[in-house]
Amino acid sequence: MPAGVIVAGGRSTRFGKPDKAVAPLAGVPMIRRVADRVDEAVDELIVNCREDQRAAIADALSGYSLPSRFAVDTDPGTGPMAGIRTGLAACDHDVAVVLACDMPFVDPKIVSSLFDHATGHDAVVPRLDDGWFQTTHAVYRRDPMVEACDAALARGERRVVDPLFELDYAVVGADDLPERGSLSSFENVNTREEFERAETRLERT
């Protein structure tokens, strides 16, 4: 199976303290929820984060079922594209799914479907009814994406879609995803209010 990359190095300014990645969501650190949900679709996990996050995230992932390691940001202020680049570069696999650390409902069936769509492409990116590219819930081929990110960063570009447009990428919509998969997979938890709503849902399951 391919790899999973969780991007956790953002400052989470809309969320506040503590660090969103390790905030206890219904008793489980949020990043651990993402890791646990994706473990049946990948066979290694790379966590991109800042050095000051590393100890707390390592504690949150203690006892995790898959081989895992860190890809620490060398320039934490560069943004999520640099985090994706750093995480992918640390992978042993040619293909990886990249996920944000604040997607606690990620659906492994959706992830597996994205891997299926990746055949013959450098990237597979969902684009749902809101029109946004889901670049932090997408599959990338390691070397082409790392090279495209390097070129984009050298040009001073920071948006994740900038390197994407240099690749042979496929777009999938809701109709292309498995019927049994849940589109809740794409939900982000950015604010305290969203965190509390997510916690209520998880406590009811």
C-alpha atoms as a PDB file:
ATOM      1  CA  MET A   1       0.000   0.000   0.000  1.00  0.00           C
ATOM      2  CA  PRO A   2       1.089   3.645  -0.363  1.00  0.00           C
ATOM      3  CA  ALA A   3       1.995   6.199   2.285  1.00  0.00           C
ATOM      4  CA  GLY A   4       0.054   8.736   4.290  1.00  0.00           C
ATOM      5  CA  VAL A   5       1.311  12.248   5.001  1.00  0.00           C
ATOM      6  CA  ILE A   6      -0.374  14.323   7.688  1.00  0.00           C
ATOM      7  CA  VAL A   7       0.361  18.049   7.523  1.00  0.00           C
ATOM      8  CA  ALA A   8       0.270  19.544  11.016  1.00  0.00           C
ATOM      9  CA  GLY A   9       2.644  22.504  10.961  1.00  0.00           C
ATOM     10  CA  GLY A  10       0.147  25.355  10.653  1.00  0.00           C
ATOM     11  CA  ARG A  11      -0.228  27.938  13.386  1.00  0.00           C
ATOM     12  CA  SER A  12      -4.013  27.399  13.706  1.00  0.00           C
ATOM     13  CA  THR A  13      -4.677  31.074  14.414  1.00  0.00           C
ATOM     14  CA  ARG A  14      -8.456  30.651  14.176  1.00  0.00           C
ATOM     15  CA  PHE A  15      -8.376  27.841  16.719  1.00  0.00           C
ATOM     16  CA  GLY A  16      -6.141  29.302  19.388  1.00  0.00           C
ATOM     17  CA  LYS A  17      -4.434  27.260  22.089  1.00  0.00           C
ATOM     18  CA  PRO A  18      -3.645  24.464  22.686  1.00  0.00           C
ATOM     19  CA  ASP A  19      -2.194  23.274  19.369  1.00  0.00           C
ATOM     20  CA  LYS A  20      -5.107  22.066  17.259  1.00  0.00           C
ATOM     21  CA  ALA A  21      -3.194  18.975  16.117  1.00  0.00           C
ATOM     22  CA  VAL A  22      -3.115  17.511  19.623  1.00  0.00           C
ATOM     23  CA  ALA A  23      -6.283  19.044  21.055  1.00  0.00           C
ATOM     24  CA  PRO A  24      -8.309  16.232  22.707  1.00  0.00           C
ATOM     25  CA  LEU A  25     -11.333  15.657  20.479  1.00  0.00           C
ATOM     26  CA  ALA A  26     -13.804  13.521  22.436  1.00  0.00           C
ATOM     27  CA  GLY A  27     -10.847  12.244  24.433  1.00  0.00           C
ATOM     28  CA  VAL A  28      -8.490  11.510  21.527  1.00  0.00           C
ATOM     29  CA  PRO A  29      -5.927  13.952  20.074  1.00  0.00           C
ATOM     30  CA  MET A  30      -7.214  15.171  16.726  1.00  0.00           C
ATOM     31  CA  ILE A  31      -4.132  14.070  14.791  1.00  0.00           C
ATOM     32  CA  ARG A  32      -4.474  10.585  16.285  1.00  0.00           C
ATOM     33  CA  ARG A  33      -8.043  10.410  15.019  1.00  0.00           C
ATOM     34  CA  VAL A  34      -6.834  11.209  11.497  1.00  0.00           C
ATOM     35  CA  ALA A  35      -4.011   8.665  11.767  1.00  0.00           C
ATOM     36  CA  ASP A  36      -6.280   5.917  13.099  1.00  0.00           C
ATOM     37  CA  ARG A  37      -8.871   6.447  10.384  1.00  0.00           C
ATOM     38  CA  VAL A  38      -6.382   6.277   7.525  1.00  0.00           C
ATOM     39  CA  ASP A  39      -4.342   3.329   8.779  1.00  0.00           C
ATOM     40  CA  GLU A  40      -6.218   0.741   6.734  1.00  0.00           C
ATOM     41  CA  ALA A  41      -5.507   2.607   3.473  1.00  0.00           C
ATOM     42  CA  VAL A  42      -1.732   3.181   3.905  1.00  0.00           C
ATOM     43  CA  ASP A  43       1.234   1.280   5.281  1.00  0.00           C
ATOM     44  CA  GLU A  44       3.417   4.095   6.600  1.00  0.00           C
ATOM     45  CA  LEU A  45       2.733   7.493   8.113  1.00  0.00           C
ATOM     46  CA  ILE A  46       4.765  10.681   7.757  1.00  0.00           C
ATOM     47  CA  VAL A  47       3.913  13.635   9.984  1.00  0.00           C
ATOM     48  CA  ASN A  48       4.984  17.085   8.840  1.00  0.00           C
ATOM     49  CA  CYS A  49       5.184  19.542  11.725  1.00  0.00           C
ATOM     50  CA  ARG A  50       7.286  22.215  13.379  1.00  0.00           C
ATOM     51  CA  GLU A  51      10.090  21.176  15.724  1.00  0.00           C
ATOM     52  CA  ASP A  52       8.249  22.674  18.710  1.00  0.00           C
ATOM     53  CA  GLN A  53       5.255  20.385  18.009  1.00  0.00           C
ATOM     54  CA  ARG A  54       7.199  17.191  17.701  1.00  0.00           C
ATOM     55  CA  ALA A  55       7.192  15.961  21.301  1.00  0.00           C
ATOM     56  CA  ALA A  56       3.450  16.506  21.808  1.00  0.00           C
ATOM     57  CA  ILE A  57       2.561  14.843  18.493  1.00  0.00           C
ATOM     58  CA  ALA A  58       4.873  11.907  19.254  1.00  0.00           C
ATOM     59  CA  ASP A  59       3.009  11.467  22.521  1.00  0.00           C
ATOM     60  CA  ALA A  60      -0.347  11.632  20.712  1.00  0.00           C
ATOM     61  CA  LEU A  61       0.788   8.917  18.282  1.00  0.00           C
ATOM     62  CA  SER A  62       2.306   6.657  20.955  1.00  0.00           C
ATOM     63  CA  GLY A  63       1.487   3.034  20.194  1.00  0.00           C
ATOM     64  CA  TYR A  64       0.274   3.786  16.666  1.00  0.00           C
ATOM     65  CA  SER A  65      -0.185   0.651  14.573  1.00  0.00           C
ATOM     66  CA  LEU A  66       1.907   1.643  11.528  1.00  0.00           C
ATOM     67  CA  PRO A  67       5.549   2.669  11.062  1.00  0.00           C
ATOM     68  CA  SER A  68       5.634   6.436  11.444  1.00  0.00           C
ATOM     69  CA  ARG A  69       8.179   9.216  11.445  1.00  0.00           C
ATOM     70  CA  PHE A  70       8.483  12.990  11.327  1.00  0.00           C
ATOM     71  CA  ALA A  71       9.354  15.360   8.520  1.00  0.00           C
ATOM     72  CA  VAL A  72      10.103  18.577  10.378  1.00  0.00           C
ATOM     73  CA  ASP A  73       9.709  21.953   8.682  1.00  0.00           C
ATOM     74  CA  THR A  74      13.004  23.718   8.099  1.00  0.00           C
ATOM     75  CA  ASP A  75      11.213  27.020   7.453  1.00  0.00           C
ATOM     76  CA  PRO A  76       7.922  26.944   9.381  1.00  0.00           C
ATOM     77  CA  GLY A  77       6.716  30.259   7.987  1.00  0.00           C
ATOM     78  CA  THR A  78       6.574  29.106   4.368  1.00  0.00           C
ATOM     79  CA  GLY A  79       3.037  27.687   4.466  1.00  0.00           C
ATOM     80  CA  PRO A  80       1.225  24.425   3.714  1.00  0.00           C
ATOM     81  CA  MET A  81       2.732  23.882   0.264  1.00  0.00           C
ATOM     82  CA  ALA A  82       6.197  23.676   1.823  1.00  0.00           C
ATOM     83  CA  GLY A  83       4.795  21.312   4.453  1.00  0.00           C
ATOM     84  CA  ILE A  84       3.380  19.026   1.772  1.00  0.00           C
ATOM     85  CA  ARG A  85       6.709  19.122  -0.051  1.00  0.00           C
ATOM     86  CA  THR A  86       8.648  18.241   3.112  1.00  0.00           C
ATOM     87  CA  GLY A  87       6.281  15.418   4.025  1.00  0.00           C
ATOM     88  CA  LEU A  88       6.286  13.874   0.555  1.00  0.00           C
ATOM     89  CA  ALA A  89      10.061  14.080   0.259  1.00  0.00           C
ATOM     90  CA  ALA A  90      10.348  11.948   3.402  1.00  0.00           C
ATOM     91  CA  CYS A  91       8.197   9.120   1.990  1.00  0.00           C
ATOM     92  CA  ASP A  92       9.632   5.771   0.970  1.00  0.00           C
ATOM     93  CA  HIS A  93       6.694   5.248  -1.389  1.00  0.00           C
ATOM     94  CA  ASP A  94       6.134   6.713  -4.834  1.00  0.00           C
ATOM     95  CA  VAL A  95       2.520   7.665  -4.065  1.00  0.00           C
ATOM     96  CA  ALA A  96       1.017   9.168  -0.919  1.00  0.00           C
ATOM     97  CA  VAL A  97      -2.201  10.669   0.329  1.00  0.00           C
ATOM     98  CA  VAL A  98      -1.774  14.069   1.941  1.00  0.00           C
ATOM     99  CA  LEU A  99      -4.210  14.952   4.721  1.00  0.00           C
ATOM    100  CA  ALA A 100      -4.587  17.931   6.997  1.00  0.00           C
ATOM    101  CA  CYS A 101      -4.349  17.164  10.708  1.00  0.00           C
ATOM    102  CA  ASP A 102      -7.804  18.684  11.287  1.00  0.00           C
ATOM    103  CA  MET A 103      -9.876  16.177   9.286  1.00  0.00           C
ATOM    104  CA  PRO A 104     -11.084  13.799  12.018  1.00  0.00           C
ATOM    105  CA  PHE A 105     -13.764  12.201   9.837  1.00  0.00           C
ATOM    106  CA  VAL A 106     -11.461  11.141   6.998  1.00  0.00           C
ATOM    107  CA  ASP A 107     -12.941   8.076   5.318  1.00  0.00           C
ATOM    108  CA  PRO A 108     -10.504   5.301   4.333  1.00  0.00           C
ATOM    109  CA  LYS A 109     -12.857   4.272   1.523  1.00  0.00           C
ATOM    110  CA  ILE A 110     -12.539   7.736   0.014  1.00  0.00           C
ATOM    111  CA  VAL A 111      -8.753   7.585   0.399  1.00  0.00           C
ATOM    112  CA  SER A 112      -8.581   4.184  -1.279  1.00  0.00           C
ATOM    113  CA  SER A 113     -10.726   5.485  -4.122  1.00  0.00           C
ATOM    114  CA  LEU A 114      -8.333   8.398  -4.648  1.00  0.00           C
ATOM    115  CA  PHE A 115      -5.444   5.946  -4.900  1.00  0.00           C
ATOM    116  CA  ASP A 116      -7.408   3.998  -7.514  1.00  0.00           C
ATOM    117  CA  HIS A 117      -7.891   7.173  -9.565  1.00  0.00           C
ATOM    118  CA  ALA A 118      -4.172   7.998  -9.364  1.00  0.00           C
ATOM    119  CA  THR A 119      -3.109   5.442 -11.956  1.00  0.00           C
ATOM    120  CA  GLY A 120      -1.404   7.279 -14.798  1.00  0.00           C
ATOM    121  CA  HIS A 121      -1.471  10.692 -13.071  1.00  0.00           C
ATOM    122  CA  ASP A 122       0.863  12.785 -10.944  1.00  0.00           C
ATOM    123  CA  ALA A 123      -1.970  13.838  -8.645  1.00  0.00           C
ATOM    124  CA  VAL A 124      -5.641  13.215  -7.920  1.00  0.00           C
ATOM    125  CA  VAL A 125      -7.471  16.073  -6.235  1.00  0.00           C
ATOM    126  CA  PRO A 126     -11.128  16.128  -5.194  1.00  0.00           C
ATOM    127  CA  ARG A 127     -13.185  19.133  -6.199  1.00  0.00           C
ATOM    128  CA  LEU A 128     -16.608  19.107  -4.599  1.00  0.00           C
ATOM    129  CA  ASP A 129     -19.711  21.221  -5.147  1.00  0.00           C
ATOM    130  CA  ASP A 130     -18.166  24.251  -3.445  1.00  0.00           C
ATOM    131  CA  GLY A 131     -15.628  24.443  -6.266  1.00  0.00           C
ATOM    132  CA  TRP A 132     -12.544  24.305  -4.038  1.00  0.00           C
ATOM    133  CA  PHE A 133      -9.670  21.959  -4.778  1.00  0.00           C
ATOM    134  CA  GLN A 134      -9.195  19.692  -1.748  1.00  0.00           C
ATOM    135  CA  THR A 135      -5.403  19.846  -1.911  1.00  0.00           C
ATOM    136  CA  THR A 136      -4.939  18.614   1.654  1.00  0.00           C
ATOM    137  CA  HIS A 137      -7.132  15.578   1.049  1.00  0.00           C
ATOM    138  CA  ALA A 138      -5.474  14.458  -2.154  1.00  0.00           C
ATOM    139  CA  VAL A 139      -3.093  11.899  -3.602  1.00  0.00           C
ATOM    140  CA  TYR A 140       0.252  12.888  -5.107  1.00  0.00           C
ATOM    141  CA  ARG A 141       3.077  11.099  -6.817  1.00  0.00           C
ATOM    142  CA  ARG A 142       6.086  11.955  -4.689  1.00  0.00           C
ATOM    143  CA  ASP A 143       8.804  13.068  -7.109  1.00  0.00           C
ATOM    144  CA  PRO A 144       6.713  15.172  -9.535  1.00  0.00           C
ATOM    145  CA  MET A 145       4.969  17.007  -6.689  1.00  0.00           C
ATOM    146  CA  VAL A 146       8.203  17.649  -4.773  1.00  0.00           C
ATOM    147  CA  GLU A 147       9.826  19.041  -7.926  1.00  0.00           C
ATOM    148  CA  ALA A 148       6.776  21.194  -8.709  1.00  0.00           C
ATOM    149  CA  CYS A 149       6.714  22.534  -5.144  1.00  0.00           C
ATOM    150  CA  ASP A 150      10.407  23.375  -5.285  1.00  0.00           C
ATOM    151  CA  ALA A 151       9.883  25.294  -8.531  1.00  0.00           C
ATOM    152  CA  ALA A 152       6.814  27.118  -7.166  1.00  0.00           C
ATOM    153  CA  LEU A 153       8.604  28.100  -3.961  1.00  0.00           C
ATOM    154  CA  ALA A 154      11.564  29.358  -5.983  1.00  0.00           C
ATOM    155  CA  ARG A 155       9.125  31.595  -7.892  1.00  0.00           C
ATOM    156  CA  GLY A 156       7.773  32.947  -4.605  1.00  0.00           C
ATOM    157  CA  GLU A 157       4.425  31.166  -4.932  1.00  0.00           C
ATOM    158  CA  ARG A 158       2.702  29.856  -1.798  1.00  0.00           C
ATOM    159  CA  ARG A 159      -0.680  28.431  -2.845  1.00  0.00           C
ATOM    160  CA  VAL A 160      -0.864  24.635  -2.980  1.00  0.00           C
ATOM    161  CA  VAL A 161      -2.663  24.831  -6.325  1.00  0.00           C
ATOM    162  CA  ASP A 162       0.354  26.537  -7.924  1.00  0.00           C
ATOM    163  CA  PRO A 163       2.477  23.364  -8.176  1.00  0.00           C
ATOM    164  CA  LEU A 164      -0.628  21.298  -8.871  1.00  0.00           C
ATOM    165  CA  PHE A 165      -1.209  23.133 -12.130  1.00  0.00           C
ATOM    166  CA  GLU A 166       2.258  22.077 -13.300  1.00  0.00           C
ATOM    167  CA  LEU A 167       1.372  18.388 -12.965  1.00  0.00           C
ATOM    168  CA  ASP A 168      -0.650  15.858 -14.910  1.00  0.00           C
ATOM    169  CA  TYR A 169      -3.496  15.885 -12.411  1.00  0.00           C
ATOM    170  CA  ALA A 170      -6.975  14.380 -12.347  1.00  0.00           C
ATOM    171  CA  VAL A 171      -9.967  15.977 -10.669  1.00  0.00           C
ATOM    172  CA  VAL A 172     -12.611  13.837  -9.005  1.00  0.00           C
ATOM    173  CA  GLY A 173     -16.011  15.040  -7.905  1.00  0.00           C
ATOM    174  CA  ALA A 174     -18.517  13.626  -5.454  1.00  0.00           C
ATOM    175  CA  ASP A 175     -19.988  11.420  -8.196  1.00  0.00           C
ATOM    176  CA  ASP A 176     -16.583   9.791  -8.727  1.00  0.00           C
ATOM    177  CA  LEU A 177     -16.226   8.729  -5.111  1.00  0.00           C
ATOM    178  CA  PRO A 178     -17.543   5.461  -3.665  1.00  0.00           C
ATOM    179  CA  GLU A 179     -21.208   5.380  -2.779  1.00  0.00           C
ATOM    180  CA  ARG A 180     -20.450   4.005   0.666  1.00  0.00           C
ATOM    181  CA  GLY A 181     -17.876   6.685   1.390  1.00  0.00           C
ATOM    182  CA  SER A 182     -18.824   9.706   3.442  1.00  0.00           C
ATOM    183  CA  LEU A 183     -18.224  13.248   2.215  1.00  0.00           C
ATOM    184  CA  SER A 184     -17.677  14.134   5.875  1.00  0.00           C
ATOM    185  CA  SER A 185     -14.179  12.943   5.013  1.00  0.00           C
ATOM    186  CA  PHE A 186     -13.469  16.447   3.682  1.00  0.00           C
ATOM    187  CA  GLU A 187     -14.611  18.399   6.734  1.00  0.00           C
ATOM    188  CA  ASN A 188     -12.010  20.589   8.412  1.00  0.00           C
ATOM    189  CA  VAL A 189     -12.065  21.656  12.052  1.00  0.00           C
ATOM    190  CA  ASN A 190     -10.726  25.204  11.961  1.00  0.00           C
ATOM    191  CA  THR A 191     -12.464  26.967  14.844  1.00  0.00           C
ATOM    192  CA  ARG A 192     -13.532  26.199  18.397  1.00  0.00           C
ATOM    193  CA  GLU A 193     -17.156  26.112  17.289  1.00  0.00           C
ATOM    194  CA  GLU A 194     -16.395  23.493  14.625  1.00  0.00           C
ATOM    195  CA  PHE A 195     -14.356  21.547  17.162  1.00  0.00           C
ATOM    196  CA  GLU A 196     -17.257  21.473  19.603  1.00  0.00           C
ATOM    197  CA  ARG A 197     -19.677  20.321  16.890  1.00  0.00           C
ATOM    198  CA  ALA A 198     -17.274  17.568  15.828  1.00  0.00           C
ATOM    199  CA  GLU A 199     -16.879  16.487  19.446  1.00  0.00           C
ATOM    200  CA  THR A 200     -20.637  16.231  19.874  1.00  0.00           C
ATOM    201  CA  ARG A 201     -20.909  14.041  16.751  1.00  0.00           C
ATOM    202  CA  LEU A 202     -18.124  11.745  17.911  1.00  0.00           C
ATOM    203  CA  GLU A 203     -19.573  11.385  21.394  1.00  0.00           C
ATOM    204  CA  ARG A 204     -22.873  10.260  19.874  1.00  0.00           C
ATOM    205  CA  THR A 205     -21.263   7.442  17.864  1.00  0.00           C
END
